[in-house]
N, C-alpha and C. Protein backbone atom coordinates (compact mmCIF):
# COMPACT_ATOMS: atom_id res chain seq x y z
N MET A 1 -13.53 -10.56 19.95
CA MET A 1 -12.10 -10.37 19.70
C MET A 1 -11.87 -10.12 18.21
N SER A 2 -10.99 -9.15 17.90
CA SER A 2 -10.71 -8.82 16.51
C SER A 2 -9.88 -9.92 15.86
N GLY A 3 -9.80 -9.85 14.51
CA GLY A 3 -9.00 -10.81 13.79
C GLY A 3 -7.54 -10.77 14.22
N ASP A 4 -7.00 -9.56 14.45
CA ASP A 4 -5.61 -9.45 14.91
C ASP A 4 -5.46 -10.06 16.29
N GLY A 5 -6.47 -9.88 17.14
CA GLY A 5 -6.40 -10.44 18.48
C GLY A 5 -6.40 -11.96 18.46
N VAL A 6 -7.22 -12.54 17.58
CA VAL A 6 -7.24 -14.00 17.44
C VAL A 6 -5.89 -14.49 16.96
N ALA A 7 -5.32 -13.80 15.97
CA ALA A 7 -4.01 -14.21 15.44
C ALA A 7 -2.94 -14.16 16.52
N ARG A 8 -2.95 -13.13 17.34
CA ARG A 8 -1.96 -13.02 18.41
C ARG A 8 -2.14 -14.13 19.45
N THR A 9 -3.39 -14.47 19.76
CA THR A 9 -3.65 -15.54 20.72
C THR A 9 -3.15 -16.87 20.20
N VAL A 10 -3.42 -17.14 18.91
CA VAL A 10 -2.98 -18.40 18.32
C VAL A 10 -1.46 -18.46 18.27
N GLU A 11 -0.82 -17.38 17.86
CA GLU A 11 0.65 -17.37 17.77
C GLU A 11 1.27 -17.57 19.14
N ALA A 12 0.69 -16.95 20.18
CA ALA A 12 1.22 -17.14 21.53
C ALA A 12 1.10 -18.60 21.97
N ALA A 13 0.05 -19.28 21.53
CA ALA A 13 -0.15 -20.67 21.93
C ALA A 13 0.86 -21.61 21.29
N TRP A 14 1.45 -21.22 20.15
CA TRP A 14 2.40 -22.10 19.48
C TRP A 14 3.58 -22.46 20.38
N SER A 15 4.05 -21.49 21.15
CA SER A 15 5.23 -21.72 21.99
C SER A 15 4.87 -21.80 23.46
N GLY A 16 3.58 -21.77 23.79
CA GLY A 16 3.16 -21.77 25.18
C GLY A 16 3.11 -23.17 25.78
N ASP A 17 3.31 -23.23 27.09
CA ASP A 17 3.26 -24.50 27.82
C ASP A 17 2.06 -24.58 28.75
N ARG A 18 1.23 -23.55 28.74
CA ARG A 18 0.07 -23.57 29.61
C ARG A 18 -0.96 -24.56 29.09
N PRO A 19 -1.76 -25.11 29.99
CA PRO A 19 -2.80 -26.05 29.54
C PRO A 19 -3.71 -25.47 28.48
N ARG A 20 -4.06 -24.18 28.60
CA ARG A 20 -4.97 -23.60 27.60
C ARG A 20 -4.28 -23.46 26.24
N ASP A 21 -2.94 -23.27 26.24
CA ASP A 21 -2.21 -23.22 24.97
C ASP A 21 -2.24 -24.59 24.29
N ARG A 22 -1.97 -25.62 25.09
CA ARG A 22 -1.97 -26.97 24.52
C ARG A 22 -3.36 -27.37 24.04
N LEU A 23 -4.39 -26.90 24.76
CA LEU A 23 -5.75 -27.17 24.35
C LEU A 23 -6.06 -26.50 23.02
N LEU A 24 -5.66 -25.25 22.88
CA LEU A 24 -5.93 -24.52 21.64
C LEU A 24 -5.21 -25.17 20.46
N VAL A 25 -3.94 -25.54 20.67
CA VAL A 25 -3.19 -26.21 19.61
C VAL A 25 -3.86 -27.53 19.23
N GLY A 26 -4.35 -28.25 20.23
CA GLY A 26 -5.04 -29.51 19.94
C GLY A 26 -6.31 -29.30 19.14
N LEU A 27 -7.04 -28.24 19.46
CA LEU A 27 -8.27 -27.94 18.72
C LEU A 27 -7.97 -27.55 17.28
N LEU A 28 -6.82 -26.96 17.07
CA LEU A 28 -6.44 -26.52 15.72
C LEU A 28 -5.80 -27.64 14.89
N ALA A 29 -5.46 -28.75 15.53
CA ALA A 29 -4.76 -29.83 14.83
C ALA A 29 -5.53 -30.36 13.62
N PRO A 30 -6.86 -30.56 13.69
CA PRO A 30 -7.56 -31.03 12.49
C PRO A 30 -7.48 -30.04 11.32
N LEU A 31 -7.51 -28.73 11.64
CA LEU A 31 -7.36 -27.75 10.58
C LEU A 31 -5.96 -27.82 9.97
N ALA A 32 -4.96 -28.03 10.83
CA ALA A 32 -3.59 -28.16 10.33
C ALA A 32 -3.44 -29.39 9.44
N ALA A 33 -4.14 -30.48 9.79
CA ALA A 33 -4.08 -31.68 8.96
C ALA A 33 -4.69 -31.42 7.59
N GLY A 34 -5.80 -30.69 7.56
CA GLY A 34 -6.40 -30.34 6.28
C GLY A 34 -5.51 -29.42 5.47
N TYR A 35 -4.87 -28.49 6.17
CA TYR A 35 -3.93 -27.58 5.49
C TYR A 35 -2.77 -28.36 4.90
N ARG A 36 -2.23 -29.32 5.67
CA ARG A 36 -1.12 -30.15 5.20
C ARG A 36 -1.52 -30.90 3.92
N ALA A 37 -2.72 -31.44 3.91
CA ALA A 37 -3.18 -32.18 2.74
C ALA A 37 -3.28 -31.27 1.53
N GLY A 38 -3.80 -30.06 1.74
CA GLY A 38 -3.90 -29.12 0.63
C GLY A 38 -2.54 -28.72 0.08
N VAL A 39 -1.58 -28.48 0.98
CA VAL A 39 -0.22 -28.13 0.55
C VAL A 39 0.39 -29.29 -0.23
N ALA A 40 0.19 -30.51 0.25
CA ALA A 40 0.77 -31.68 -0.41
C ALA A 40 0.21 -31.84 -1.83
N VAL A 41 -1.10 -31.66 -1.97
CA VAL A 41 -1.72 -31.78 -3.29
C VAL A 41 -1.18 -30.70 -4.23
N ARG A 42 -1.12 -29.48 -3.75
CA ARG A 42 -0.64 -28.37 -4.59
C ARG A 42 0.79 -28.61 -5.03
N ASN A 43 1.66 -29.00 -4.10
CA ASN A 43 3.06 -29.24 -4.47
C ASN A 43 3.19 -30.41 -5.44
N ALA A 44 2.38 -31.43 -5.25
CA ALA A 44 2.43 -32.57 -6.18
C ALA A 44 2.03 -32.15 -7.59
N LEU A 45 1.04 -31.27 -7.68
CA LEU A 45 0.61 -30.80 -9.00
C LEU A 45 1.71 -30.03 -9.70
N TYR A 46 2.46 -29.21 -8.93
CA TYR A 46 3.58 -28.49 -9.53
C TYR A 46 4.73 -29.44 -9.86
N ASP A 47 5.02 -30.37 -8.95
CA ASP A 47 6.14 -31.29 -9.17
C ASP A 47 5.93 -32.13 -10.42
N ARG A 48 4.69 -32.50 -10.69
CA ARG A 48 4.39 -33.37 -11.83
C ARG A 48 4.04 -32.60 -13.11
N GLY A 49 4.06 -31.26 -13.01
CA GLY A 49 3.81 -30.45 -14.18
C GLY A 49 2.35 -30.25 -14.51
N TRP A 50 1.46 -30.68 -13.64
CA TRP A 50 0.03 -30.49 -13.90
C TRP A 50 -0.40 -29.06 -13.62
N LEU A 51 0.32 -28.39 -12.75
CA LEU A 51 0.23 -26.94 -12.62
C LEU A 51 1.52 -26.37 -13.18
N ALA A 52 1.39 -25.41 -14.08
CA ALA A 52 2.57 -24.89 -14.78
C ALA A 52 3.18 -23.71 -14.03
N SER A 53 4.51 -23.68 -13.99
CA SER A 53 5.24 -22.51 -13.50
C SER A 53 5.64 -21.67 -14.71
N GLU A 54 5.32 -20.39 -14.68
CA GLU A 54 5.60 -19.51 -15.81
C GLU A 54 7.06 -19.07 -15.80
N HIS A 55 7.70 -19.14 -16.95
CA HIS A 55 9.08 -18.70 -17.11
C HIS A 55 9.11 -17.27 -17.66
N VAL A 56 10.11 -16.52 -17.24
CA VAL A 56 10.31 -15.17 -17.76
C VAL A 56 11.72 -15.08 -18.32
N ALA A 57 11.97 -14.02 -19.08
CA ALA A 57 13.25 -13.88 -19.78
C ALA A 57 14.31 -13.24 -18.89
N ALA A 58 14.54 -13.84 -17.75
CA ALA A 58 15.56 -13.38 -16.82
C ALA A 58 15.87 -14.51 -15.85
N THR A 59 17.02 -14.41 -15.20
CA THR A 59 17.34 -15.33 -14.11
C THR A 59 16.50 -14.94 -12.90
N VAL A 60 15.84 -15.91 -12.28
CA VAL A 60 14.97 -15.64 -11.13
C VAL A 60 15.52 -16.37 -9.92
N ILE A 61 15.77 -15.61 -8.87
CA ILE A 61 16.23 -16.18 -7.60
C ILE A 61 15.22 -15.80 -6.53
N SER A 62 14.67 -16.80 -5.88
CA SER A 62 13.67 -16.57 -4.84
C SER A 62 14.31 -16.62 -3.46
N VAL A 63 13.91 -15.69 -2.61
CA VAL A 63 14.32 -15.70 -1.21
C VAL A 63 13.05 -15.86 -0.38
N GLY A 64 13.00 -16.90 0.43
CA GLY A 64 11.79 -17.13 1.21
C GLY A 64 12.07 -17.87 2.49
N ASN A 65 11.02 -18.43 3.08
CA ASN A 65 11.18 -19.21 4.30
C ASN A 65 10.04 -20.20 4.41
N LEU A 66 10.06 -20.98 5.48
CA LEU A 66 9.00 -21.96 5.70
C LEU A 66 7.94 -21.45 6.65
N SER A 67 8.28 -20.50 7.50
CA SER A 67 7.37 -20.11 8.58
C SER A 67 6.81 -18.72 8.37
N VAL A 68 5.71 -18.45 9.05
CA VAL A 68 5.17 -17.10 9.04
C VAL A 68 6.02 -16.23 9.96
N GLY A 69 5.90 -14.93 9.78
CA GLY A 69 6.67 -14.03 10.62
C GLY A 69 8.02 -13.71 10.01
N GLY A 70 8.79 -12.93 10.73
CA GLY A 70 10.06 -12.45 10.21
C GLY A 70 11.20 -13.39 10.49
N THR A 71 11.88 -13.83 9.45
CA THR A 71 13.11 -14.61 9.61
C THR A 71 14.27 -13.92 8.93
N GLY A 72 14.06 -12.70 8.46
CA GLY A 72 15.13 -11.98 7.77
C GLY A 72 15.14 -12.16 6.28
N LYS A 73 14.02 -12.64 5.69
CA LYS A 73 14.03 -12.90 4.25
C LYS A 73 14.11 -11.60 3.44
N THR A 74 13.42 -10.55 3.87
CA THR A 74 13.46 -9.30 3.10
C THR A 74 14.84 -8.65 3.16
N PRO A 75 15.49 -8.54 4.33
CA PRO A 75 16.87 -8.04 4.33
C PRO A 75 17.82 -8.91 3.50
N THR A 76 17.58 -10.23 3.50
CA THR A 76 18.41 -11.11 2.70
C THR A 76 18.20 -10.85 1.21
N ALA A 77 16.95 -10.66 0.81
CA ALA A 77 16.66 -10.33 -0.58
C ALA A 77 17.33 -9.02 -0.98
N LEU A 78 17.30 -8.04 -0.09
CA LEU A 78 17.95 -6.76 -0.35
C LEU A 78 19.46 -6.94 -0.51
N TRP A 79 20.07 -7.68 0.41
CA TRP A 79 21.52 -7.93 0.33
C TRP A 79 21.88 -8.65 -0.97
N LEU A 80 21.11 -9.66 -1.33
CA LEU A 80 21.40 -10.42 -2.54
C LEU A 80 21.28 -9.55 -3.78
N ALA A 81 20.22 -8.75 -3.85
CA ALA A 81 20.02 -7.89 -5.02
C ALA A 81 21.16 -6.90 -5.18
N GLN A 82 21.60 -6.31 -4.08
CA GLN A 82 22.70 -5.35 -4.17
C GLN A 82 24.01 -6.03 -4.53
N ALA A 83 24.23 -7.24 -4.00
CA ALA A 83 25.44 -7.98 -4.34
C ALA A 83 25.47 -8.34 -5.83
N LEU A 84 24.32 -8.73 -6.37
CA LEU A 84 24.25 -9.05 -7.80
C LEU A 84 24.46 -7.81 -8.66
N ARG A 85 23.93 -6.68 -8.22
CA ARG A 85 24.15 -5.45 -8.97
C ARG A 85 25.64 -5.09 -9.01
N ARG A 86 26.33 -5.29 -7.90
CA ARG A 86 27.76 -4.99 -7.87
C ARG A 86 28.54 -5.88 -8.84
N ARG A 87 27.97 -7.02 -9.17
CA ARG A 87 28.60 -7.93 -10.12
C ARG A 87 28.18 -7.65 -11.56
N GLY A 88 27.47 -6.55 -11.76
CA GLY A 88 27.12 -6.13 -13.10
C GLY A 88 25.78 -6.60 -13.60
N ARG A 89 24.99 -7.24 -12.75
CA ARG A 89 23.66 -7.69 -13.17
C ARG A 89 22.67 -6.53 -13.11
N ARG A 90 21.70 -6.57 -14.02
CA ARG A 90 20.61 -5.58 -14.02
C ARG A 90 19.45 -6.20 -13.22
N VAL A 91 19.35 -5.81 -11.96
CA VAL A 91 18.51 -6.51 -11.00
C VAL A 91 17.22 -5.75 -10.74
N GLY A 92 16.14 -6.50 -10.68
CA GLY A 92 14.87 -5.97 -10.22
C GLY A 92 14.36 -6.81 -9.06
N LEU A 93 13.73 -6.17 -8.10
CA LEU A 93 13.13 -6.85 -6.96
C LEU A 93 11.63 -6.98 -7.20
N VAL A 94 11.10 -8.16 -6.99
CA VAL A 94 9.68 -8.42 -7.18
C VAL A 94 9.12 -8.96 -5.88
N ALA A 95 7.95 -8.45 -5.48
CA ALA A 95 7.32 -8.87 -4.23
C ALA A 95 5.81 -8.91 -4.42
N ARG A 96 5.16 -9.53 -3.48
CA ARG A 96 3.69 -9.59 -3.48
C ARG A 96 3.07 -8.23 -3.21
N GLY A 97 3.70 -7.45 -2.34
CA GLY A 97 3.14 -6.15 -1.97
C GLY A 97 2.02 -6.25 -0.96
N TYR A 98 2.25 -7.03 0.09
CA TYR A 98 1.21 -7.23 1.11
C TYR A 98 0.77 -5.90 1.70
N GLY A 99 -0.54 -5.73 1.80
CA GLY A 99 -1.11 -4.53 2.38
C GLY A 99 -1.37 -3.42 1.39
N LYS A 100 -0.96 -3.59 0.13
CA LYS A 100 -1.19 -2.52 -0.83
C LYS A 100 -2.66 -2.48 -1.24
N ARG A 101 -3.15 -1.28 -1.49
CA ARG A 101 -4.56 -1.13 -1.84
C ARG A 101 -4.77 -1.15 -3.35
N THR A 102 -3.69 -1.01 -4.12
CA THR A 102 -3.80 -0.99 -5.57
C THR A 102 -3.60 -2.40 -6.10
N PRO A 103 -4.60 -2.98 -6.74
CA PRO A 103 -4.46 -4.35 -7.24
C PRO A 103 -3.60 -4.41 -8.49
N GLY A 104 -3.13 -5.62 -8.80
CA GLY A 104 -2.35 -5.82 -10.01
C GLY A 104 -0.91 -5.39 -9.86
N VAL A 105 -0.26 -5.17 -11.00
CA VAL A 105 1.16 -4.81 -11.00
C VAL A 105 1.32 -3.35 -10.63
N VAL A 106 2.23 -3.09 -9.69
CA VAL A 106 2.55 -1.72 -9.27
C VAL A 106 4.06 -1.54 -9.33
N VAL A 107 4.52 -0.54 -10.07
CA VAL A 107 5.95 -0.18 -10.06
C VAL A 107 6.17 0.69 -8.84
N VAL A 108 6.79 0.11 -7.83
CA VAL A 108 6.96 0.79 -6.54
C VAL A 108 8.15 1.74 -6.57
N GLY A 109 9.19 1.35 -7.30
CA GLY A 109 10.36 2.20 -7.37
C GLY A 109 11.14 1.97 -8.64
N ASP A 110 11.86 3.00 -9.09
CA ASP A 110 12.71 2.88 -10.28
C ASP A 110 14.14 3.27 -9.95
N GLY A 111 14.53 3.05 -8.72
CA GLY A 111 15.78 3.54 -8.17
C GLY A 111 15.51 4.45 -7.00
N GLN A 112 14.29 4.93 -6.95
CA GLN A 112 13.76 5.68 -5.82
C GLN A 112 12.27 5.38 -5.72
N PRO A 113 11.66 5.56 -4.55
CA PRO A 113 10.24 5.22 -4.40
C PRO A 113 9.35 6.09 -5.29
N LEU A 114 8.35 5.45 -5.89
CA LEU A 114 7.40 6.15 -6.74
C LEU A 114 6.00 6.23 -6.14
N VAL A 115 5.72 5.36 -5.16
CA VAL A 115 4.40 5.33 -4.54
C VAL A 115 4.59 5.25 -3.03
N ASP A 116 3.48 5.45 -2.30
CA ASP A 116 3.56 5.34 -0.85
C ASP A 116 3.20 3.92 -0.42
N PRO A 117 3.40 3.58 0.86
CA PRO A 117 3.13 2.21 1.32
C PRO A 117 1.70 1.75 1.08
N ALA A 118 0.74 2.67 1.11
CA ALA A 118 -0.65 2.26 0.88
C ALA A 118 -0.85 1.70 -0.51
N ASP A 119 -0.12 2.23 -1.49
CA ASP A 119 -0.26 1.76 -2.87
C ASP A 119 0.71 0.64 -3.22
N GLY A 120 1.87 0.61 -2.56
CA GLY A 120 2.88 -0.36 -2.94
C GLY A 120 3.13 -1.46 -1.94
N GLY A 121 2.70 -1.24 -0.68
CA GLY A 121 3.00 -2.19 0.38
C GLY A 121 4.20 -1.72 1.19
N ASP A 122 4.15 -1.90 2.49
CA ASP A 122 5.20 -1.37 3.38
C ASP A 122 6.58 -1.90 3.02
N GLU A 123 6.71 -3.23 2.94
CA GLU A 123 8.04 -3.81 2.72
C GLU A 123 8.58 -3.48 1.34
N ALA A 124 7.69 -3.41 0.35
CA ALA A 124 8.15 -3.09 -1.00
C ALA A 124 8.67 -1.66 -1.08
N VAL A 125 7.99 -0.73 -0.42
CA VAL A 125 8.48 0.66 -0.41
C VAL A 125 9.81 0.74 0.33
N LEU A 126 9.93 -0.02 1.42
CA LEU A 126 11.21 -0.05 2.15
C LEU A 126 12.32 -0.59 1.25
N LEU A 127 12.03 -1.63 0.47
CA LEU A 127 13.02 -2.14 -0.48
C LEU A 127 13.41 -1.07 -1.50
N ALA A 128 12.42 -0.33 -1.98
CA ALA A 128 12.71 0.72 -2.97
C ALA A 128 13.60 1.81 -2.37
N ILE A 129 13.36 2.14 -1.10
CA ILE A 129 14.16 3.18 -0.43
C ILE A 129 15.59 2.70 -0.23
N ARG A 130 15.74 1.47 0.21
CA ARG A 130 17.06 0.98 0.63
C ARG A 130 17.90 0.41 -0.51
N SER A 131 17.24 -0.07 -1.55
CA SER A 131 18.00 -0.77 -2.58
C SER A 131 18.52 0.13 -3.69
N GLY A 132 17.76 1.17 -4.02
CA GLY A 132 18.10 1.96 -5.20
C GLY A 132 17.90 1.20 -6.49
N LEU A 133 17.07 0.16 -6.44
CA LEU A 133 16.82 -0.71 -7.59
C LEU A 133 15.34 -0.65 -7.98
N PRO A 134 15.01 -1.10 -9.19
CA PRO A 134 13.60 -1.23 -9.54
C PRO A 134 12.91 -2.23 -8.61
N VAL A 135 11.72 -1.86 -8.15
CA VAL A 135 10.91 -2.73 -7.31
C VAL A 135 9.50 -2.76 -7.90
N VAL A 136 8.99 -3.96 -8.15
CA VAL A 136 7.67 -4.12 -8.74
C VAL A 136 6.90 -5.14 -7.91
N THR A 137 5.65 -4.82 -7.62
CA THR A 137 4.82 -5.76 -6.86
C THR A 137 3.63 -6.22 -7.70
N GLY A 138 3.08 -7.35 -7.29
CA GLY A 138 1.90 -7.87 -7.96
C GLY A 138 1.49 -9.19 -7.35
N GLU A 139 0.18 -9.40 -7.31
CA GLU A 139 -0.32 -10.67 -6.78
C GLU A 139 0.19 -11.83 -7.64
N ARG A 140 0.25 -11.62 -8.93
CA ARG A 140 0.83 -12.61 -9.85
C ARG A 140 2.27 -12.20 -10.10
N ARG A 141 3.18 -12.89 -9.43
CA ARG A 141 4.58 -12.48 -9.49
C ARG A 141 5.17 -12.61 -10.89
N ALA A 142 4.66 -13.52 -11.72
CA ALA A 142 5.16 -13.61 -13.09
C ALA A 142 4.86 -12.33 -13.87
N GLU A 143 3.67 -11.78 -13.69
CA GLU A 143 3.33 -10.52 -14.36
C GLU A 143 4.22 -9.39 -13.87
N ALA A 144 4.46 -9.35 -12.55
CA ALA A 144 5.33 -8.31 -12.00
C ALA A 144 6.74 -8.45 -12.53
N ALA A 145 7.24 -9.69 -12.64
CA ALA A 145 8.58 -9.91 -13.16
C ALA A 145 8.68 -9.47 -14.63
N ARG A 146 7.67 -9.81 -15.41
CA ARG A 146 7.69 -9.40 -16.82
C ARG A 146 7.66 -7.88 -16.94
N ALA A 147 6.93 -7.21 -16.06
CA ALA A 147 6.90 -5.74 -16.07
C ALA A 147 8.27 -5.16 -15.75
N ALA A 148 8.97 -5.76 -14.78
CA ALA A 148 10.31 -5.28 -14.43
C ALA A 148 11.27 -5.49 -15.58
N ILE A 149 11.15 -6.61 -16.26
CA ILE A 149 12.03 -6.90 -17.40
C ILE A 149 11.76 -5.93 -18.55
N ALA A 150 10.47 -5.69 -18.84
CA ALA A 150 10.10 -4.83 -19.96
C ALA A 150 10.47 -3.38 -19.70
N ARG A 151 10.24 -2.90 -18.49
CA ARG A 151 10.45 -1.48 -18.21
C ARG A 151 11.90 -1.14 -17.89
N PHE A 152 12.60 -2.06 -17.23
CA PHE A 152 13.94 -1.74 -16.73
C PHE A 152 15.04 -2.61 -17.34
N ALA A 153 14.68 -3.45 -18.31
CA ALA A 153 15.65 -4.33 -18.97
C ALA A 153 16.41 -5.19 -17.96
N CYS A 154 15.71 -5.65 -16.94
CA CYS A 154 16.34 -6.49 -15.92
C CYS A 154 16.73 -7.84 -16.52
N ASP A 155 17.92 -8.31 -16.16
CA ASP A 155 18.31 -9.66 -16.55
C ASP A 155 18.27 -10.62 -15.35
N THR A 156 18.00 -10.06 -14.17
CA THR A 156 17.93 -10.86 -12.95
C THR A 156 16.79 -10.35 -12.08
N ILE A 157 15.97 -11.27 -11.61
CA ILE A 157 14.87 -10.94 -10.71
C ILE A 157 15.13 -11.61 -9.37
N VAL A 158 15.10 -10.82 -8.31
CA VAL A 158 15.14 -11.35 -6.96
C VAL A 158 13.72 -11.30 -6.41
N LEU A 159 13.19 -12.45 -6.10
CA LEU A 159 11.80 -12.59 -5.67
C LEU A 159 11.76 -12.66 -4.15
N ASP A 160 11.19 -11.64 -3.53
CA ASP A 160 11.11 -11.58 -2.07
C ASP A 160 9.91 -12.38 -1.58
N ASP A 161 10.14 -13.24 -0.60
CA ASP A 161 9.09 -14.08 0.00
C ASP A 161 8.39 -14.91 -1.07
N GLY A 162 9.20 -15.66 -1.82
CA GLY A 162 8.64 -16.37 -2.97
C GLY A 162 8.74 -17.88 -2.91
N PHE A 163 9.15 -18.46 -1.78
CA PHE A 163 9.37 -19.91 -1.77
C PHE A 163 8.09 -20.67 -2.06
N GLN A 164 6.97 -20.21 -1.52
CA GLN A 164 5.70 -20.91 -1.74
C GLN A 164 5.01 -20.47 -3.03
N HIS A 165 5.49 -19.41 -3.67
CA HIS A 165 4.83 -18.91 -4.89
C HIS A 165 5.43 -19.62 -6.10
N ARG A 166 4.96 -20.83 -6.36
CA ARG A 166 5.57 -21.66 -7.39
C ARG A 166 5.04 -21.37 -8.79
N ALA A 167 4.10 -20.42 -8.91
CA ALA A 167 3.58 -20.07 -10.23
C ALA A 167 4.62 -19.37 -11.09
N LEU A 168 5.65 -18.80 -10.47
CA LEU A 168 6.76 -18.21 -11.21
C LEU A 168 7.95 -19.16 -11.12
N ALA A 169 8.42 -19.64 -12.26
CA ALA A 169 9.58 -20.52 -12.27
C ALA A 169 10.81 -19.76 -11.82
N ARG A 170 11.67 -20.44 -11.09
CA ARG A 170 12.89 -19.79 -10.61
C ARG A 170 14.09 -20.67 -10.87
N ASP A 171 15.26 -20.04 -10.93
CA ASP A 171 16.50 -20.78 -11.16
C ASP A 171 17.09 -21.28 -9.85
N ALA A 172 16.74 -20.65 -8.75
CA ALA A 172 17.24 -21.10 -7.45
C ALA A 172 16.33 -20.57 -6.36
N ASP A 173 16.15 -21.38 -5.33
CA ASP A 173 15.43 -20.98 -4.12
C ASP A 173 16.41 -20.88 -2.97
N LEU A 174 16.45 -19.72 -2.33
CA LEU A 174 17.21 -19.52 -1.11
C LEU A 174 16.21 -19.44 0.04
N VAL A 175 16.40 -20.24 1.05
CA VAL A 175 15.46 -20.28 2.17
C VAL A 175 16.18 -19.81 3.43
N VAL A 176 15.59 -18.81 4.08
CA VAL A 176 16.14 -18.28 5.32
C VAL A 176 15.46 -18.98 6.48
N THR A 177 16.26 -19.61 7.33
CA THR A 177 15.72 -20.31 8.49
C THR A 177 16.09 -19.55 9.75
N SER A 178 15.18 -19.56 10.72
CA SER A 178 15.40 -18.82 11.96
C SER A 178 15.97 -19.74 13.02
N GLY A 179 16.48 -19.11 14.05
CA GLY A 179 17.02 -19.88 15.16
C GLY A 179 16.05 -20.06 16.29
N ASP A 180 14.74 -19.93 16.04
CA ASP A 180 13.79 -20.07 17.14
C ASP A 180 13.58 -21.54 17.47
N ASP A 181 12.84 -21.76 18.55
CA ASP A 181 12.60 -23.13 19.00
C ASP A 181 11.13 -23.49 18.94
N LEU A 182 10.39 -22.87 17.99
CA LEU A 182 8.98 -23.20 17.85
C LEU A 182 8.83 -24.60 17.29
N PRO A 183 7.73 -25.27 17.65
CA PRO A 183 7.54 -26.64 17.15
C PRO A 183 7.27 -26.66 15.65
N ALA A 184 7.63 -27.78 15.03
CA ALA A 184 7.46 -27.92 13.58
C ALA A 184 6.05 -28.38 13.26
N ARG A 185 5.07 -27.51 13.55
CA ARG A 185 3.67 -27.81 13.24
C ARG A 185 3.21 -26.84 12.17
N LEU A 186 2.30 -27.32 11.32
CA LEU A 186 1.79 -26.47 10.24
C LEU A 186 0.67 -25.57 10.74
N LEU A 187 0.45 -24.50 9.98
CA LEU A 187 -0.66 -23.59 10.26
C LEU A 187 -1.99 -24.35 10.29
N PRO A 188 -2.92 -23.94 11.12
CA PRO A 188 -2.83 -22.87 12.12
C PRO A 188 -2.37 -23.36 13.48
N ALA A 189 -1.98 -24.64 13.61
CA ALA A 189 -1.53 -25.17 14.89
C ALA A 189 -0.07 -24.86 15.17
N GLY A 190 0.62 -24.29 14.22
CA GLY A 190 2.02 -23.92 14.37
C GLY A 190 2.41 -22.90 13.32
N PRO A 191 3.68 -22.55 13.23
CA PRO A 191 4.11 -21.45 12.37
C PRO A 191 4.45 -21.83 10.93
N LEU A 192 4.44 -23.12 10.60
CA LEU A 192 4.97 -23.52 9.30
C LEU A 192 3.96 -23.39 8.17
N ARG A 193 4.39 -22.82 7.06
CA ARG A 193 3.58 -22.76 5.85
C ARG A 193 3.64 -24.07 5.07
N GLU A 194 4.76 -24.77 5.19
CA GLU A 194 4.97 -26.05 4.52
C GLU A 194 5.71 -26.97 5.47
N PRO A 195 5.62 -28.29 5.25
CA PRO A 195 6.43 -29.21 6.06
C PRO A 195 7.92 -28.98 5.81
N VAL A 196 8.73 -29.39 6.77
CA VAL A 196 10.18 -29.24 6.65
C VAL A 196 10.71 -29.96 5.41
N SER A 197 10.03 -31.02 4.99
CA SER A 197 10.47 -31.76 3.80
C SER A 197 10.50 -30.89 2.55
N ALA A 198 9.76 -29.76 2.55
CA ALA A 198 9.76 -28.87 1.39
C ALA A 198 11.13 -28.26 1.13
N LEU A 199 12.00 -28.30 2.13
CA LEU A 199 13.34 -27.72 1.96
C LEU A 199 14.13 -28.45 0.89
N ARG A 200 13.67 -29.61 0.46
CA ARG A 200 14.35 -30.30 -0.64
C ARG A 200 14.36 -29.45 -1.91
N ARG A 201 13.41 -28.53 -2.04
CA ARG A 201 13.38 -27.66 -3.23
C ARG A 201 14.43 -26.57 -3.18
N ALA A 202 15.01 -26.32 -2.00
CA ALA A 202 15.91 -25.18 -1.83
C ALA A 202 17.29 -25.47 -2.39
N ARG A 203 17.90 -24.47 -2.98
CA ARG A 203 19.29 -24.58 -3.43
C ARG A 203 20.24 -24.26 -2.27
N LEU A 204 19.80 -23.35 -1.36
CA LEU A 204 20.67 -22.91 -0.29
C LEU A 204 19.83 -22.56 0.93
N LEU A 205 20.30 -22.97 2.10
CA LEU A 205 19.67 -22.58 3.37
C LEU A 205 20.55 -21.55 4.06
N ILE A 206 19.92 -20.50 4.56
CA ILE A 206 20.64 -19.44 5.26
C ILE A 206 20.09 -19.37 6.68
N ALA A 207 20.94 -19.57 7.67
CA ALA A 207 20.52 -19.53 9.07
C ALA A 207 20.62 -18.10 9.56
N ALA A 208 19.51 -17.59 10.10
CA ALA A 208 19.47 -16.21 10.60
C ALA A 208 19.19 -16.23 12.08
N THR A 209 19.87 -15.38 12.82
CA THR A 209 19.61 -15.20 14.24
C THR A 209 18.72 -13.98 14.39
N TRP A 210 17.60 -14.16 15.04
CA TRP A 210 16.64 -13.06 15.16
C TRP A 210 15.88 -13.22 16.45
N LYS A 211 15.18 -12.16 16.85
CA LYS A 211 14.38 -12.19 18.07
C LYS A 211 12.95 -11.91 17.71
N ARG A 212 12.05 -12.76 18.19
CA ARG A 212 10.63 -12.60 17.93
C ARG A 212 10.12 -11.33 18.60
N ARG A 213 9.24 -10.59 17.92
CA ARG A 213 8.68 -9.36 18.47
C ARG A 213 8.02 -9.65 19.81
N GLY A 214 8.32 -8.79 20.76
CA GLY A 214 7.71 -8.94 22.07
C GLY A 214 8.51 -9.80 23.01
N SER A 215 9.59 -10.41 22.52
CA SER A 215 10.40 -11.26 23.40
C SER A 215 11.56 -10.48 23.98
């Protein structure tokens, strides 16, 4: 079975009631416990300042979520960026650029797309098309944010899918929550990247109604 096939099987088991689903989730529980411990240690290091969050010369607002999959965080980031621009802010969108083949910082758009999805990442190119704003991607979001500030004189950075990326300091975290009924279990036994208690870091929760692919 391919990696994608394994991922689909595991995701289906999260909400399944069949004995084999419950068995698979049970087998994954020790891995989820180890993942939980790793997340707890990492967050504690950031909370206590032992891992530093880099500051940039702009207001940074992160839009993210707790779970894997789509909860509407990218459309929310797009809406927020456009709303801030209408208020006179010089806004840049920063993202990881998942799926891009070009490593490091990539200027995906300067008001219009500059690269294709292979170089910039699918969602980042979509943001560049729909927003009309500067879009910069990079594995190190602080470097991408500094590039947006230097090249486009941005005074505000909207960070797409950035709740868990604590290496870039932010002024506010907006977390988009879905209306699904999946159990609150951590990866890989469930959909959560962090425990629900992590929501204490959020400035605002946004409830989104959405339908899971294939449902």
